[in-house]
PDB file of N, CA and C in Angstrom:
ATOM      1  N   MET A   1      12.704   1.349  -7.375  1.00  0.00           N
ATOM      2  CA  MET A   1      12.384   0.772  -6.100  1.00  0.00           C
ATOM      3  C   MET A   1      12.839   1.710  -4.993  1.00  0.00           C
ATOM      4  N   VAL A   2      12.003   1.923  -3.997  1.00  0.00           N
ATOM      5  CA  VAL A   2      12.314   2.821  -2.904  1.00  0.00           C
ATOM      6  C   VAL A   2      13.132   2.067  -1.871  1.00  0.00           C
ATOM      7  N   ASP A   3      14.246   2.681  -1.460  1.00  0.00           N
ATOM      8  CA  ASP A   3      15.110   2.060  -0.465  1.00  0.00           C
ATOM      9  C   ASP A   3      14.618   2.478   0.922  1.00  0.00           C
ATOM     10  N   ASN A   4      14.159   1.531   1.724  1.00  0.00           N
ATOM     11  CA  ASN A   4      13.641   1.817   3.054  1.00  0.00           C
ATOM     12  C   ASN A   4      14.702   1.643   4.131  1.00  0.00           C
ATOM     13  N   TYR A   5      15.954   1.597   3.753  1.00  0.00           N
ATOM     14  CA  TYR A   5      17.034   1.390   4.703  1.00  0.00           C
ATOM     15  C   TYR A   5      18.077   2.493   4.548  1.00  0.00           C
ATOM     16  N   PHE A   6      18.833   2.713   5.619  1.00  0.00           N
ATOM     17  CA  PHE A   6      19.956   3.626   5.569  1.00  0.00           C
ATOM     18  C   PHE A   6      21.067   3.055   6.437  1.00  0.00           C
ATOM     19  N   ASP A   7      22.260   3.593   6.294  1.00  0.00           N
ATOM     20  CA  ASP A   7      23.411   3.122   7.057  1.00  0.00           C
ATOM     21  C   ASP A   7      23.570   3.976   8.313  1.00  0.00           C
ATOM     22  N   CYS A   8      23.877   3.333   9.429  1.00  0.00           N
ATOM     23  CA  CYS A   8      24.157   4.035  10.677  1.00  0.00           C
ATOM     24  C   CYS A   8      25.383   4.920  10.466  1.00  0.00           C
ATOM     25  N   PRO A   9      25.305   6.203  10.875  1.00  0.00           N
ATOM     26  CA  PRO A   9      26.467   7.084  10.687  1.00  0.00           C
ATOM     27  C   PRO A   9      27.646   6.730  11.592  1.00  0.00           C
ATOM     28  N   TYR A  10      27.404   5.918  12.618  1.00  0.00           N
ATOM     29  CA  TYR A  10      28.471   5.566  13.557  1.00  0.00           C
ATOM     30  C   TYR A  10      29.167   4.255  13.194  1.00  0.00           C
ATOM     31  N   CYS A  11      28.369   3.214  12.859  1.00  0.00           N
ATOM     32  CA  CYS A  11      28.977   1.894  12.624  1.00  0.00           C
ATOM     33  C   CYS A  11      28.709   1.323  11.231  1.00  0.00           C
ATOM     34  N   GLY A  12      27.807   1.924  10.457  1.00  0.00           N
ATOM     35  CA  GLY A  12      27.530   1.455   9.104  1.00  0.00           C
ATOM     36  C   GLY A  12      26.486   0.347   9.010  1.00  0.00           C
ATOM     37  N   GLN A  13      25.881  -0.036  10.121  1.00  0.00           N
ATOM     38  CA  GLN A  13      24.843  -1.081  10.143  1.00  0.00           C
ATOM     39  C   GLN A  13      23.631  -0.628   9.322  1.00  0.00           C
ATOM     40  N   LYS A  14      23.033  -1.536   8.537  1.00  0.00           N
ATOM     41  CA  LYS A  14      21.814  -1.227   7.776  1.00  0.00           C
ATOM     42  C   LYS A  14      20.648  -1.138   8.744  1.00  0.00           C
ATOM     43  N   LEU A  15      19.905  -0.021   8.687  1.00  0.00           N
ATOM     44  CA  LEU A  15      18.761   0.211   9.572  1.00  0.00           C
ATOM     45  C   LEU A  15      17.571   0.662   8.750  1.00  0.00           C
ATOM     46  N   MET A  16      16.370   0.412   9.277  1.00  0.00           N
ATOM     47  CA  MET A  16      15.157   0.888   8.617  1.00  0.00           C
ATOM     48  C   MET A  16      15.038   2.390   8.813  1.00  0.00           C
ATOM     49  N   LYS A  17      14.488   3.076   7.813  1.00  0.00           N
ATOM     50  CA  LYS A  17      14.270   4.508   7.938  1.00  0.00           C
ATOM     51  C   LYS A  17      13.344   4.769   9.118  1.00  0.00           C
ATOM     52  N   GLY A  18      13.651   5.784   9.874  1.00  0.00           N
ATOM     53  CA  GLY A  18      12.849   6.135  11.036  1.00  0.00           C
ATOM     54  C   GLY A  18      13.344   5.507  12.323  1.00  0.00           C
ATOM     55  N   ALA A  19      14.417   4.705  12.255  1.00  0.00           N
ATOM     56  CA  ALA A  19      14.952   4.069  13.456  1.00  0.00           C
ATOM     57  C   ALA A  19      15.461   5.140  14.411  1.00  0.00           C
ATOM     58  N   MET A  20      15.219   4.927  15.701  1.00  0.00           N
ATOM     59  CA  MET A  20      15.654   5.882  16.703  1.00  0.00           C
ATOM     60  C   MET A  20      16.985   5.481  17.333  1.00  0.00           C
ATOM     61  N   LYS A  21      17.285   4.180  17.312  1.00  0.00           N
ATOM     62  CA  LYS A  21      18.499   3.673  17.939  1.00  0.00           C
ATOM     63  C   LYS A  21      19.098   2.600  17.040  1.00  0.00           C
ATOM     64  N   CYS A  22      20.420   2.607  16.913  1.00  0.00           N
ATOM     65  CA  CYS A  22      21.103   1.610  16.091  1.00  0.00           C
ATOM     66  C   CYS A  22      21.161   0.285  16.840  1.00  0.00           C
ATOM     67  N   VAL A  23      20.798  -0.801  16.154  1.00  0.00           N
ATOM     68  CA  VAL A  23      20.849  -2.124  16.775  1.00  0.00           C
ATOM     69  C   VAL A  23      22.273  -2.668  16.774  1.00  0.00           C
ATOM     70  N   GLY A  24      23.149  -2.093  15.951  1.00  0.00           N
ATOM     71  CA  GLY A  24      24.529  -2.554  15.879  1.00  0.00           C
ATOM     72  C   GLY A  24      25.393  -1.986  16.983  1.00  0.00           C
ATOM     73  N   CYS A  25      25.399  -0.651  17.120  1.00  0.00           N
ATOM     74  CA  CYS A  25      26.284  -0.012  18.098  1.00  0.00           C
ATOM     75  C   CYS A  25      25.541   0.524  19.319  1.00  0.00           C
ATOM     76  N   GLY A  26      24.209   0.621  19.245  1.00  0.00           N
ATOM     77  CA  GLY A  26      23.426   1.079  20.390  1.00  0.00           C
ATOM     78  C   GLY A  26      23.344   2.584  20.533  1.00  0.00           C
ATOM     79  N   LYS A  27      23.881   3.340  19.594  1.00  0.00           N
ATOM     80  CA  LYS A  27      23.851   4.806  19.678  1.00  0.00           C
ATOM     81  C   LYS A  27      22.484   5.328  19.264  1.00  0.00           C
ATOM     82  N   MET A  28      22.071   6.425  19.926  1.00  0.00           N
ATOM     83  CA  MET A  28      20.807   7.078  19.599  1.00  0.00           C
ATOM     84  C   MET A  28      20.983   7.864  18.298  1.00  0.00           C
ATOM     85  N   LEU A  29      20.017   7.735  17.409  1.00  0.00           N
ATOM     86  CA  LEU A  29      20.100   8.398  16.105  1.00  0.00           C
ATOM     87  C   LEU A  29      19.235   9.644  16.030  1.00  0.00           C
ATOM     88  N   LYS A  30      18.305   9.772  16.968  1.00  0.00           N
ATOM     89  CA  LYS A  30      17.416  10.932  16.992  1.00  0.00           C
ATOM     90  C   LYS A  30      17.483  11.584  18.358  1.00  0.00           C
ATOM     91  N   THR A  31      17.272  12.895  18.373  1.00  0.00           N
ATOM     92  CA  THR A  31      17.211  13.606  19.650  1.00  0.00           C
ATOM     93  C   THR A  31      15.881  13.294  20.323  1.00  0.00           C
ATOM     94  N   ALA A  32      15.767  13.670  21.584  1.00  0.00           N
ATOM     95  CA  ALA A  32      14.529  13.415  22.330  1.00  0.00           C
ATOM     96  C   ALA A  32      13.336  14.122  21.677  1.00  0.00           C
ATOM     97  N   ASP A  33      13.547  15.347  21.174  1.00  0.00           N
ATOM     98  CA  ASP A  33      12.463  16.079  20.508  1.00  0.00           C
ATOM     99  C   ASP A  33      12.020  15.366  19.233  1.00  0.00           C
ATOM    100  N   GLU A  34      12.970  14.864  18.451  1.00  0.00           N
ATOM    101  CA  GLU A  34      12.634  14.137  17.225  1.00  0.00           C
ATOM    102  C   GLU A  34      11.896  12.839  17.552  1.00  0.00           C
ATOM    103  N   GLN A  35      12.297  12.176  18.636  1.00  0.00           N
ATOM    104  CA  GLN A  35      11.616  10.948  19.049  1.00  0.00           C
ATOM    105  C   GLN A  35      10.171  11.235  19.440  1.00  0.00           C
ATOM    106  N   GLN A  36       9.960  12.296  20.217  1.00  0.00           N
ATOM    107  CA  GLN A  36       8.593  12.655  20.622  1.00  0.00           C
ATOM    108  C   GLN A  36       7.744  13.030  19.414  1.00  0.00           C
ATOM    109  N   ALA A  37       8.323  13.717  18.441  1.00  0.00           N
ATOM    110  CA  ALA A  37       7.583  14.078  17.228  1.00  0.00           C
ATOM    111  C   ALA A  37       7.186  12.824  16.452  1.00  0.00           C
ATOM    112  N   SER A  38       8.082  11.848  16.372  1.00  0.00           N
ATOM    113  CA  SER A  38       7.767  10.596  15.671  1.00  0.00           C
ATOM    114  C   SER A  38       6.656   9.836  16.377  1.00  0.00           C
ATOM    115  N   ILE A  39       6.729   9.783  17.705  1.00  0.00           N
ATOM    116  CA  ILE A  39       5.699   9.083  18.479  1.00  0.00           C
ATOM    117  C   ILE A  39       4.359   9.786  18.329  1.00  0.00           C
ATOM    118  N   GLN A  40       4.344  11.117  18.378  1.00  0.00           N
ATOM    119  CA  GLN A  40       3.105  11.873  18.230  1.00  0.00           C
ATOM    120  C   GLN A  40       2.504  11.666  16.848  1.00  0.00           C
ATOM    121  N   LYS A  41       3.355  11.613  15.828  1.00  0.00           N
ATOM    122  CA  LYS A  41       2.875  11.394  14.457  1.00  0.00           C
ATOM    123  C   LYS A  41       2.196  10.032  14.342  1.00  0.00           C
ATOM    124  N   LEU A  42       2.773   9.003  14.976  1.00  0.00           N
ATOM    125  CA  LEU A  42       2.164   7.672  14.956  1.00  0.00           C
ATOM    126  C   LEU A  42       0.830   7.656  15.689  1.00  0.00           C
ATOM    127  N   LYS A  43       0.739   8.390  16.790  1.00  0.00           N
ATOM    128  CA  LYS A  43      -0.516   8.437  17.557  1.00  0.00           C
ATOM    129  C   LYS A  43      -1.622   9.127  16.770  1.00  0.00           C
ATOM    130  N   GLU A  44      -1.249  10.142  15.984  1.00  0.00           N
ATOM    131  CA  GLU A  44      -2.247  10.919  15.239  1.00  0.00           C
ATOM    132  C   GLU A  44      -2.641  10.291  13.908  1.00  0.00           C
ATOM    133  N   SER A  45      -1.949   9.241  13.501  1.00  0.00           N
ATOM    134  CA  SER A  45      -2.273   8.613  12.220  1.00  0.00           C
ATOM    135  C   SER A  45      -3.687   8.028  12.284  1.00  0.00           C
ATOM    136  N   PRO A  46      -4.417   8.100  11.180  1.00  0.00           N
ATOM    137  CA  PRO A  46      -5.793   7.606  11.179  1.00  0.00           C
ATOM    138  C   PRO A  46      -5.854   6.106  11.435  1.00  0.00           C
ATOM    139  N   LYS A  47      -6.816   5.734  12.230  1.00  0.00           N
ATOM    140  CA  LYS A  47      -7.017   4.322  12.531  1.00  0.00           C
ATOM    141  C   LYS A  47      -8.375   3.901  11.999  1.00  0.00           C
ATOM    142  N   GLY A  48      -8.496   2.638  11.721  1.00  0.00           N
ATOM    143  CA  GLY A  48      -9.757   2.130  11.198  1.00  0.00           C
ATOM    144  C   GLY A  48      -9.593   1.646   9.774  1.00  0.00           C
ATOM    145  N   PHE A  49     -10.623   1.022   9.304  1.00  0.00           N
ATOM    146  CA  PHE A  49     -10.590   0.416   7.983  1.00  0.00           C
ATOM    147  C   PHE A  49     -11.201   1.371   6.970  1.00  0.00           C
ATOM    148  N   ASP A  50     -10.540   1.522   5.834  1.00  0.00           N
ATOM    149  CA  ASP A  50     -11.030   2.365   4.756  1.00  0.00           C
ATOM    150  C   ASP A  50     -11.911   1.518   3.835  1.00  0.00           C
ATOM    151  N   PHE A  51     -13.198   1.811   3.816  1.00  0.00           N
ATOM    152  CA  PHE A  51     -14.156   1.023   3.054  1.00  0.00           C
ATOM    153  C   PHE A  51     -14.290   1.468   1.603  1.00  0.00           C
ATOM    154  N   THR A  52     -13.627   2.539   1.207  1.00  0.00           N
ATOM    155  CA  THR A  52     -13.849   3.057  -0.142  1.00  0.00           C
ATOM    156  C   THR A  52     -13.310   2.133  -1.227  1.00  0.00           C
ATOM    157  N   LYS A  53     -12.122   1.551  -1.041  1.00  0.00           N
ATOM    158  CA  LYS A  53     -11.562   0.683  -2.084  1.00  0.00           C
ATOM    159  C   LYS A  53     -12.384  -0.591  -2.269  1.00  0.00           C
ATOM    160  N   PRO A  54     -12.747  -1.315  -1.204  1.00  0.00           N
ATOM    161  CA  PRO A  54     -13.592  -2.499  -1.429  1.00  0.00           C
ATOM    162  C   PRO A  54     -14.951  -2.140  -2.017  1.00  0.00           C
ATOM    163  N   LEU A  55     -15.499  -0.988  -1.620  1.00  0.00           N
ATOM    164  CA  LEU A  55     -16.797  -0.571  -2.154  1.00  0.00           C
ATOM    165  C   LEU A  55     -16.694  -0.276  -3.653  1.00  0.00           C
ATOM    166  N   LYS A  56     -15.635   0.390  -4.065  1.00  0.00           N
ATOM    167  CA  LYS A  56     -15.433   0.659  -5.493  1.00  0.00           C
ATOM    168  C   LYS A  56     -15.283  -0.638  -6.275  1.00  0.00           C
ATOM    169  N   PHE A  57     -14.572  -1.608  -5.714  1.00  0.00           N
ATOM    170  CA  PHE A  57     -14.388  -2.898  -6.375  1.00  0.00           C
ATOM    171  C   PHE A  57     -15.720  -3.629  -6.525  1.00  0.00           C
ATOM    172  N   ILE A  58     -16.538  -3.601  -5.487  1.00  0.00           N
ATOM    173  CA  ILE A  58     -17.852  -4.256  -5.541  1.00  0.00           C
ATOM    174  C   ILE A  58     -18.736  -3.590  -6.584  1.00  0.00           C
ATOM    175  N   ILE A  59     -18.727  -2.265  -6.638  1.00  0.00           N
ATOM    176  CA  ILE A  59     -19.515  -1.543  -7.648  1.00  0.00           C
ATOM    177  C   ILE A  59     -19.026  -1.896  -9.046  1.00  0.00           C
ATOM    178  N   PHE A  60     -17.713  -2.021  -9.221  1.00  0.00           N
ATOM    179  CA  PHE A  60     -17.146  -2.423 -10.513  1.00  0.00           C
ATOM    180  C   PHE A  60     -17.645  -3.808 -10.912  1.00  0.00           C
ATOM    181  N   LEU A  61     -17.621  -4.766  -9.974  1.00  0.00           N
ATOM    182  CA  LEU A  61     -18.083  -6.124 -10.282  1.00  0.00           C
ATOM    183  C   LEU A  61     -19.570  -6.151 -10.609  1.00  0.00           C
ATOM    184  N   VAL A  62     -20.367  -5.384  -9.878  1.00  0.00           N
ATOM    185  CA  VAL A  62     -21.808  -5.327 -10.160  1.00  0.00           C
ATOM    186  C   VAL A  62     -22.032  -4.734 -11.542  1.00  0.00           C
ATOM    187  N   GLY A  63     -21.254  -3.714 -11.902  1.00  0.00           N
ATOM    188  CA  GLY A  63     -21.366  -3.121 -13.239  1.00  0.00           C
ATOM    189  C   GLY A  63     -21.041  -4.123 -14.331  1.00  0.00           C
ATOM    190  N   LEU A  64     -19.953  -4.892 -14.124  1.00  0.00           N
ATOM    191  CA  LEU A  64     -19.619  -5.928 -15.099  1.00  0.00           C
ATOM    192  C   LEU A  64     -20.722  -6.979 -15.210  1.00  0.00           C
ATOM    193  N   ALA A  65     -21.285  -7.366 -14.071  1.00  0.00           N
ATOM    194  CA  ALA A  65     -22.354  -8.359 -14.079  1.00  0.00           C
ATOM    195  C   ALA A  65     -23.575  -7.838 -14.836  1.00  0.00           C
ATOM    196  N   LEU A  66     -23.903  -6.575 -14.632  1.00  0.00           N
ATOM    197  CA  LEU A  66     -25.051  -5.992 -15.339  1.00  0.00           C
ATOM    198  C   LEU A  66     -24.791  -5.912 -16.842  1.00  0.00           C
ATOM    199  N   ILE A  67     -23.600  -5.516 -17.215  1.00  0.00           N
ATOM    200  CA  ILE A  67     -23.263  -5.463 -18.643  1.00  0.00           C
ATOM    201  C   ILE A  67     -23.358  -6.849 -19.257  1.00  0.00           C
ATOM    202  N   TYR A  68     -22.812  -7.847 -18.566  1.00  0.00           N
ATOM    203  CA  TYR A  68     -22.874  -9.207 -19.094  1.00  0.00           C
ATOM    204  C   TYR A  68     -24.320  -9.694 -19.167  1.00  0.00           C
ATOM    205  N   HIS A  69     -25.120  -9.361 -18.164  1.00  0.00           N
ATOM    206  CA  HIS A  69     -26.511  -9.815 -18.143  1.00  0.00           C
ATOM    207  C   HIS A  69     -27.296  -9.267 -19.335  1.00  0.00           C
ATOM    208  N   PHE A  70     -27.127  -7.983 -19.622  1.00  0.00           N
ATOM    209  CA  PHE A  70     -27.905  -7.365 -20.684  1.00  0.00           C
ATOM    210  C   PHE A  70     -27.313  -7.575 -22.075  1.00  0.00           C
ATOM    211  N   PHE A  71     -26.012  -7.827 -22.166  1.00  0.00           N
ATOM    212  CA  PHE A  71     -25.371  -7.939 -23.465  1.00  0.00           C
ATOM    213  C   PHE A  71     -24.662  -9.278 -23.653  1.00  0.00           C
ATOM    214  N   SER A  72     -25.081 -10.316 -22.955  1.00  0.00           N
ATOM    215  CA  SER A  72     -24.385 -11.603 -23.028  1.00  0.00           C
ATOM    216  C   SER A  72     -24.439 -12.208 -24.434  1.00  0.00           C
ATOM    217  N   ASP A  73     -25.551 -12.073 -25.113  1.00  0.00           N
ATOM    218  CA  ASP A  73     -25.662 -12.632 -26.466  1.00  0.00           C
ATOM    219  C   ASP A  73     -24.674 -11.960 -27.420  1.00  0.00           C
ATOM    220  N   GLN A  74     -24.588 -10.631 -27.359  1.00  0.00           N
ATOM    221  CA  GLN A  74     -23.672  -9.910 -28.233  1.00  0.00           C
ATOM    222  C   GLN A  74     -22.210 -10.231 -27.867  1.00  0.00           C
ATOM    223  N   ILE A  75     -21.918 -10.332 -26.583  1.00  0.00           N
ATOM    224  CA  ILE A  75     -20.556 -10.640 -26.147  1.00  0.00           C
ATOM    225  C   ILE A  75     -20.156 -12.039 -26.617  1.00  0.00           C
ATOM    226  N   THR A  76     -21.061 -13.002 -26.481  1.00  0.00           N
ATOM    227  CA  THR A  76     -20.783 -14.367 -26.921  1.00  0.00           C
ATOM    228  C   THR A  76     -20.557 -14.401 -28.434  1.00  0.00           C
ATOM    229  N   GLU A  77     -21.367 -13.663 -29.167  1.00  0.00           N
ATOM    230  CA  GLU A  77     -21.216 -13.622 -30.620  1.00  0.00           C
ATOM    231  C   GLU A  77     -19.877 -13.010 -31.024  1.00  0.00           C
ATOM    232  N   ILE A  78     -19.470 -11.963 -30.361  1.00  0.00           N
ATOM    233  CA  ILE A  78     -18.177 -11.320 -30.665  1.00  0.00           C
ATOM    234  C   ILE A  78     -17.030 -12.285 -30.416  1.00  0.00           C
ATOM    235  N   PHE A  79     -17.062 -12.982 -29.254  1.00  0.00           N
ATOM    236  CA  PHE A  79     -15.994 -13.913 -28.948  1.00  0.00           C
ATOM    237  C   PHE A  79     -15.972 -15.095 -29.918  1.00  0.00           C
ATOM    238  N   ASN A  80     -17.126 -15.575 -30.300  1.00  0.00           N
ATOM    239  CA  ASN A  80     -17.181 -16.671 -31.279  1.00  0.00           C
ATOM    240  C   ASN A  80     -16.594 -16.241 -32.618  1.00  0.00           C
ATOM    241  N   ASN A  81     -16.920 -15.022 -33.042  1.00  0.00           N
ATOM    242  CA  ASN A  81     -16.366 -14.512 -34.306  1.00  0.00           C
ATOM    243  C   ASN A  81     -14.847 -14.343 -34.202  1.00  0.00           C
ATOM    244  N   LEU A  82     -14.363 -13.895 -33.069  1.00  0.00           N
ATOM    245  CA  LEU A  82     -12.916 -13.726 -32.892  1.00  0.00           C
ATOM    246  C   LEU A  82     -12.200 -15.065 -32.903  1.00  0.00           C
ATOM    247  N   LEU A  83     -12.808 -16.079 -32.305  1.00  0.00           N
ATOM    248  CA  LEU A  83     -12.172 -17.388 -32.231  1.00  0.00           C
ATOM    249  C   LEU A  83     -12.191 -18.113 -33.576  1.00  0.00           C
ATOM    250  N   LYS A  84     -13.178 -17.820 -34.415  1.00  0.00           N
ATOM    251  CA  LYS A  84     -13.249 -18.471 -35.717  1.00  0.00           C
ATOM    252  C   LYS A  84     -12.184 -17.939 -36.666  1.00  0.00           C
ATOM    253  N   ASN A  85     -11.808 -16.687 -36.513  1.00  0.00           N
ATOM    254  CA  ASN A  85     -10.810 -16.075 -37.413  1.00  0.00           C
ATOM    255  C   ASN A  85      -9.444 -16.399 -37.004  1.00  0.00           C
TER     256      ASN A  85
END
């Protein structure tokens, strides 16, 4: 399991990784340059919805439906034979 928390070097308070200021003691944990780099990184992160995963899932379901449609008799026979034994 990945630990997303760290201890404040000043007071020991548990903080989320990437925190700029400690909520326990109020001390700044990052320099101004590091803060600007973090903010710029967040601004440049891709926005929008990624359609590839739902599309792959839909194609998978359509494939299963087609296999069942064309081979339903054989699939039913296999399951019946398995259940009888």
